[in-house]
């Protein structure tokens, strides 16, 4: 049963050991953001041309 404020709530920090360390997590998140910014150019297996990632389909448009 979900506690939506009927009982006291507690925040427990560092109770479970992390699978990866904070530095690795931060480095991976930075790389994900870099690749998102590059778009299709981040993946060498995708053939790109001058207008790749410039023209985008609008959702809902046919």
PDB file of N, CA and C in Angstrom:
ATOM      1  N   UNK A   1       0.839  -1.173   0.000  1.00  0.00           N
ATOM      2  CA  UNK A   1       0.000   0.000   0.000  1.00  0.00           C
ATOM      3  C   UNK A   1       0.883   1.235   0.000  1.00  0.00           C
ATOM      4  N   UNK A   2       0.571   2.172  -0.872  1.00  0.00           N
ATOM      5  CA  UNK A   2       1.383   3.367  -1.019  1.00  0.00           C
ATOM      6  C   UNK A   2       1.129   4.354   0.120  1.00  0.00           C
ATOM      7  N   UNK A   3       2.206   4.901   0.661  1.00  0.00           N
ATOM      8  CA  UNK A   3       2.111   5.905   1.721  1.00  0.00           C
ATOM      9  C   UNK A   3       2.068   7.281   1.060  1.00  0.00           C
ATOM     10  N   UNK A   4       0.908   7.913   1.056  1.00  0.00           N
ATOM     11  CA  UNK A   4       0.772   9.236   0.449  1.00  0.00           C
ATOM     12  C   UNK A   4       0.688  10.328   1.505  1.00  0.00           C
ATOM     13  N   UNK A   5       1.319  10.107   2.631  1.00  0.00           N
ATOM     14  CA  UNK A   5       1.384  11.122   3.671  1.00  0.00           C
ATOM     15  C   UNK A   5       0.673  10.753   4.954  1.00  0.00           C
ATOM     16  N   UNK A   6       0.020   9.573   5.013  1.00  0.00           N
ATOM     17  CA  UNK A   6      -0.671   9.173   6.226  1.00  0.00           C
ATOM     18  C   UNK A   6       0.324   8.833   7.338  1.00  0.00           C
ATOM     19  N   UNK A   7       1.470   8.283   6.955  1.00  0.00           N
ATOM     20  CA  UNK A   7       2.509   7.895   7.912  1.00  0.00           C
ATOM     21  C   UNK A   7       3.769   8.711   7.641  1.00  0.00           C
ATOM     22  N   UNK A   8       4.686   8.808   8.614  1.00  0.00           N
ATOM     23  CA  UNK A   8       5.938   9.529   8.370  1.00  0.00           C
ATOM     24  C   UNK A   8       6.722   8.864   7.234  1.00  0.00           C
ATOM     25  N   UNK A   9       7.401   9.672   6.426  1.00  0.00           N
ATOM     26  CA  UNK A   9       8.229   9.166   5.347  1.00  0.00           C
ATOM     27  C   UNK A   9       9.681   9.472   5.663  1.00  0.00           C
ATOM     28  N   UNK A  10      10.570   8.555   5.284  1.00  0.00           N
ATOM     29  CA  UNK A  10      11.989   8.695   5.582  1.00  0.00           C
ATOM     30  C   UNK A  10      12.790   8.552   4.308  1.00  0.00           C
ATOM     31  N   UNK A  11      13.883   9.270   4.203  1.00  0.00           N
ATOM     32  CA  UNK A  11      14.806   9.166   3.094  1.00  0.00           C
ATOM     33  C   UNK A  11      16.060   8.470   3.602  1.00  0.00           C
ATOM     34  N   UNK A  12      16.383   7.332   3.011  1.00  0.00           N
ATOM     35  CA  UNK A  12      17.566   6.570   3.407  1.00  0.00           C
ATOM     36  C   UNK A  12      18.593   6.702   2.296  1.00  0.00           C
ATOM     37  N   UNK A  13      19.745   7.265   2.622  1.00  0.00           N
ATOM     38  CA  UNK A  13      20.803   7.449   1.635  1.00  0.00           C
ATOM     39  C   UNK A  13      21.936   6.463   1.900  1.00  0.00           C
ATOM     40  N   UNK A  14      22.573   6.021   0.818  1.00  0.00           N
ATOM     41  CA  UNK A  14      23.740   5.130   0.862  1.00  0.00           C
ATOM     42  C   UNK A  14      23.432   3.804   1.551  1.00  0.00           C
ATOM     43  N   UNK A  15      22.207   3.316   1.456  1.00  0.00           N
ATOM     44  CA  UNK A  15      21.841   2.042   2.060  1.00  0.00           C
ATOM     45  C   UNK A  15      22.241   0.879   1.158  1.00  0.00           C
ATOM     46  N   UNK A  16      22.282   1.130  -0.159  1.00  0.00           N
ATOM     47  CA  UNK A  16      22.630   0.085  -1.126  1.00  0.00           C
ATOM     48  C   UNK A  16      23.842   0.567  -1.913  1.00  0.00           C
ATOM     49  N   UNK A  17      24.818  -0.314  -2.090  1.00  0.00           N
ATOM     50  CA  UNK A  17      26.020   0.047  -2.842  1.00  0.00           C
ATOM     51  C   UNK A  17      25.669   0.226  -4.313  1.00  0.00           C
ATOM     52  N   UNK A  18      26.263   1.247  -4.928  1.00  0.00           N
ATOM     53  CA  UNK A  18      26.018   1.522  -6.340  1.00  0.00           C
ATOM     54  C   UNK A  18      26.672   0.448  -7.208  1.00  0.00           C
ATOM     55  N   UNK A  19      26.047   0.156  -8.344  1.00  0.00           N
ATOM     56  CA  UNK A  19      26.607  -0.817  -9.282  1.00  0.00           C
ATOM     57  C   UNK A  19      27.827  -0.218  -9.970  1.00  0.00           C
ATOM     58  N   UNK A  20      27.733   1.069 -10.345  1.00  0.00           N
ATOM     59  CA  UNK A  20      28.872   1.769 -10.937  1.00  0.00           C
ATOM     60  C   UNK A  20      29.159   3.012 -10.103  1.00  0.00           C
ATOM     61  N   UNK A  21      30.387   3.488 -10.183  1.00  0.00           N
ATOM     62  CA  UNK A  21      30.747   4.661  -9.384  1.00  0.00           C
ATOM     63  C   UNK A  21      30.225   5.940 -10.051  1.00  0.00           C
ATOM     64  N   UNK A  22      30.163   7.013  -9.304  1.00  0.00           N
ATOM     65  CA  UNK A  22      29.596   8.286  -9.763  1.00  0.00           C
ATOM     66  C   UNK A  22      30.368   8.845 -10.965  1.00  0.00           C
ATOM     67  N   UNK A  23      31.702   8.705 -10.989  1.00  0.00           N
ATOM     68  CA  UNK A  23      32.503   9.230 -12.097  1.00  0.00           C
ATOM     69  C   UNK A  23      32.156   8.537 -13.411  1.00  0.00           C
ATOM     70  N   UNK A  24      31.990   7.212 -13.378  1.00  0.00           N
ATOM     71  CA  UNK A  24      31.620   6.467 -14.576  1.00  0.00           C
ATOM     72  C   UNK A  24      30.236   6.880 -15.045  1.00  0.00           C
ATOM     73  N   UNK A  25      29.298   7.022 -14.131  1.00  0.00           N
ATOM     74  CA  UNK A  25      27.943   7.434 -14.474  1.00  0.00           C
ATOM     75  C   UNK A  25      27.949   8.798 -15.156  1.00  0.00           C
ATOM     76  N   UNK A  26      28.691   9.748 -14.587  1.00  0.00           N
ATOM     77  CA  UNK A  26      28.766  11.086 -15.148  1.00  0.00           C
ATOM     78  C   UNK A  26      29.393  11.071 -16.540  1.00  0.00           C
ATOM     79  N   UNK A  27      30.451  10.289 -16.722  1.00  0.00           N
ATOM     80  CA  UNK A  27      31.113  10.201 -18.030  1.00  0.00           C
ATOM     81  C   UNK A  27      30.171   9.627 -19.085  1.00  0.00           C
ATOM     82  N   UNK A  28      29.418   8.607 -18.724  1.00  0.00           N
ATOM     83  CA  UNK A  28      28.476   8.002 -19.668  1.00  0.00           C
ATOM     84  C   UNK A  28      27.358   8.978 -20.016  1.00  0.00           C
ATOM     85  N   UNK A  29      26.834   9.698 -19.039  1.00  0.00           N
ATOM     86  CA  UNK A  29      25.775  10.665 -19.304  1.00  0.00           C
ATOM     87  C   UNK A  29      26.272  11.781 -20.223  1.00  0.00           C
ATOM     88  N   UNK A  30      27.519  12.199 -20.055  1.00  0.00           N
ATOM     89  CA  UNK A  30      28.120  13.214 -20.923  1.00  0.00           C
ATOM     90  C   UNK A  30      28.235  12.697 -22.348  1.00  0.00           C
ATOM     91  N   UNK A  31      28.649  11.441 -22.508  1.00  0.00           N
ATOM     92  CA  UNK A  31      28.772  10.836 -23.842  1.00  0.00           C
ATOM     93  C   UNK A  31      27.412  10.678 -24.503  1.00  0.00           C
ATOM     94  N   UNK A  32      26.398  10.304 -23.751  1.00  0.00           N
ATOM     95  CA  UNK A  32      25.044  10.177 -24.295  1.00  0.00           C
ATOM     96  C   UNK A  32      24.565  11.542 -24.799  1.00  0.00           C
ATOM     97  N   UNK A  33      24.805  12.593 -24.035  1.00  0.00           N
ATOM     98  CA  UNK A  33      24.399  13.940 -24.446  1.00  0.00           C
ATOM     99  C   UNK A  33      25.153  14.377 -25.697  1.00  0.00           C
ATOM    100  N   UNK A  34      26.445  14.048 -25.772  1.00  0.00           N
ATOM    101  CA  UNK A  34      27.250  14.403 -26.947  1.00  0.00           C
ATOM    102  C   UNK A  34      26.707  13.720 -28.188  1.00  0.00           C
ATOM    103  N   UNK A  35      26.398  12.423 -28.075  1.00  0.00           N
ATOM    104  CA  UNK A  35      25.870  11.681 -29.222  1.00  0.00           C
ATOM    105  C   UNK A  35      24.477  12.179 -29.613  1.00  0.00           C
ATOM    106  N   UNK A  36      23.664  12.558 -28.638  1.00  0.00           N
ATOM    107  CA  UNK A  36      22.338  13.097 -28.943  1.00  0.00           C
ATOM    108  C   UNK A  36      22.479  14.397 -29.725  1.00  0.00           C
ATOM    109  N   UNK A  37      23.443  15.221 -29.353  1.00  0.00           N
ATOM    110  CA  UNK A  37      23.682  16.485 -30.044  1.00  0.00           C
ATOM    111  C   UNK A  37      24.143  16.249 -31.480  1.00  0.00           C
ATOM    112  N   UNK A  38      24.969  15.231 -31.698  1.00  0.00           N
ATOM    113  CA  UNK A  38      25.458  14.927 -33.042  1.00  0.00           C
ATOM    114  C   UNK A  38      24.378  14.315 -33.927  1.00  0.00           C
ATOM    115  N   UNK A  39      23.414  13.664 -33.322  1.00  0.00           N
ATOM    116  CA  UNK A  39      22.344  13.030 -34.094  1.00  0.00           C
ATOM    117  C   UNK A  39      22.869  11.834 -34.869  1.00  0.00           C
ATOM    118  N   UNK A  40      22.486  11.726 -36.136  1.00  0.00           N
ATOM    119  CA  UNK A  40      22.870  10.576 -36.953  1.00  0.00           C
ATOM    120  C   UNK A  40      24.369  10.528 -37.197  1.00  0.00           C
ATOM    121  N   UNK A  41      25.035  11.662 -37.129  1.00  0.00           N
ATOM    122  CA  UNK A  41      26.488  11.688 -37.358  1.00  0.00           C
ATOM    123  C   UNK A  41      27.276  10.975 -36.260  1.00  0.00           C
ATOM    124  N   UNK A  42      26.649  10.691 -35.133  1.00  0.00           N
ATOM    125  CA  UNK A  42      27.332   9.988 -34.045  1.00  0.00           C
ATOM    126  C   UNK A  42      27.487   8.511 -34.345  1.00  0.00           C
ATOM    127  N   UNK A  43      26.693   7.987 -35.302  1.00  0.00           N
ATOM    128  CA  UNK A  43      26.738   6.568 -35.646  1.00  0.00           C
ATOM    129  C   UNK A  43      27.342   6.429 -37.036  1.00  0.00           C
ATOM    130  N   UNK A  44      28.557   5.876 -37.110  1.00  0.00           N
ATOM    131  CA  UNK A  44      29.273   5.774 -38.379  1.00  0.00           C
ATOM    132  C   UNK A  44      28.600   4.806 -39.343  1.00  0.00           C
ATOM    133  N   UNK A  45      27.740   3.918 -38.862  1.00  0.00           N
ATOM    134  CA  UNK A  45      27.097   2.953 -39.750  1.00  0.00           C
ATOM    135  C   UNK A  45      25.918   3.560 -40.512  1.00  0.00           C
ATOM    136  N   UNK A  46      25.471   4.755 -40.122  1.00  0.00           N
ATOM    137  CA  UNK A  46      24.375   5.431 -40.814  1.00  0.00           C
ATOM    138  C   UNK A  46      24.978   6.333 -41.886  1.00  0.00           C
ATOM    139  N   UNK A  47      24.539   6.125 -43.127  1.00  0.00           N
ATOM    140  CA  UNK A  47      25.031   6.963 -44.210  1.00  0.00           C
ATOM    141  C   UNK A  47      24.438   8.366 -44.067  1.00  0.00           C
ATOM    142  N   UNK A  48      25.294   9.362 -44.047  1.00  0.00           N
ATOM    143  CA  UNK A  48      24.829  10.729 -43.871  1.00  0.00           C
ATOM    144  C   UNK A  48      25.183  11.566 -45.092  1.00  0.00           C
ATOM    145  N   UNK A  49      24.406  12.606 -45.328  1.00  0.00           N
ATOM    146  CA  UNK A  49      24.660  13.572 -46.398  1.00  0.00           C
ATOM    147  C   UNK A  49      24.602  14.964 -45.783  1.00  0.00           C
ATOM    148  N   UNK A  50      24.749  15.989 -46.610  1.00  0.00           N
ATOM    149  CA  UNK A  50      24.813  17.363 -46.105  1.00  0.00           C
ATOM    150  C   UNK A  50      23.575  17.756 -45.304  1.00  0.00           C
ATOM    151  N   UNK A  51      22.395  17.239 -45.667  1.00  0.00           N
ATOM    152  CA  UNK A  51      21.168  17.648 -44.997  1.00  0.00           C
ATOM    153  C   UNK A  51      20.698  16.670 -43.924  1.00  0.00           C
ATOM    154  N   UNK A  52      21.480  15.654 -43.629  1.00  0.00           N
ATOM    155  CA  UNK A  52      21.103  14.716 -42.583  1.00  0.00           C
ATOM    156  C   UNK A  52      20.969  15.462 -41.261  1.00  0.00           C
ATOM    157  N   UNK A  53      19.926  15.193 -40.535  1.00  0.00           N
ATOM    158  CA  UNK A  53      19.613  15.814 -39.245  1.00  0.00           C
ATOM    159  C   UNK A  53      19.152  17.251 -39.368  1.00  0.00           C
ATOM    160  N   UNK A  54      19.065  17.810 -40.565  1.00  0.00           N
ATOM    161  CA  UNK A  54      18.571  19.170 -40.743  1.00  0.00           C
ATOM    162  C   UNK A  54      17.074  19.186 -40.984  1.00  0.00           C
ATOM    163  N   UNK A  55      16.582  18.186 -41.708  1.00  0.00           N
ATOM    164  CA  UNK A  55      15.163  18.101 -42.002  1.00  0.00           C
ATOM    165  C   UNK A  55      14.556  17.094 -41.036  1.00  0.00           C
ATOM    166  N   UNK A  56      13.549  17.515 -40.311  1.00  0.00           N
ATOM    167  CA  UNK A  56      12.936  16.644 -39.321  1.00  0.00           C
ATOM    168  C   UNK A  56      11.448  16.537 -39.616  1.00  0.00           C
ATOM    169  N   UNK A  57      10.909  15.367 -39.397  1.00  0.00           N
ATOM    170  CA  UNK A  57       9.481  15.127 -39.594  1.00  0.00           C
ATOM    171  C   UNK A  57       8.731  15.646 -38.374  1.00  0.00           C
ATOM    172  N   UNK A  58       7.663  16.355 -38.611  1.00  0.00           N
ATOM    173  CA  UNK A  58       6.833  16.868 -37.531  1.00  0.00           C
ATOM    174  C   UNK A  58       5.875  15.764 -37.120  1.00  0.00           C
ATOM    175  N   UNK A  59       5.778  15.481 -35.838  1.00  0.00           N
ATOM    176  CA  UNK A  59       4.883  14.436 -35.368  1.00  0.00           C
ATOM    177  C   UNK A  59       3.448  14.788 -35.706  1.00  0.00           C
ATOM    178  N   UNK A  60       2.735  13.790 -36.179  1.00  0.00           N
ATOM    179  CA  UNK A  60       1.344  13.988 -36.527  1.00  0.00           C
ATOM    180  C   UNK A  60       1.149  14.362 -37.988  1.00  0.00           C
ATOM    181  N   UNK A  61       2.214  14.771 -38.660  1.00  0.00           N
ATOM    182  CA  UNK A  61       2.125  15.118 -40.075  1.00  0.00           C
ATOM    183  C   UNK A  61       2.233  13.844 -40.898  1.00  0.00           C
ATOM    184  N   UNK A  62       1.553  13.808 -42.011  1.00  0.00           N
ATOM    185  CA  UNK A  62       1.598  12.621 -42.873  1.00  0.00           C
ATOM    186  C   UNK A  62       2.692  12.735 -43.896  1.00  0.00           C
TER     187      UNK A  62
END
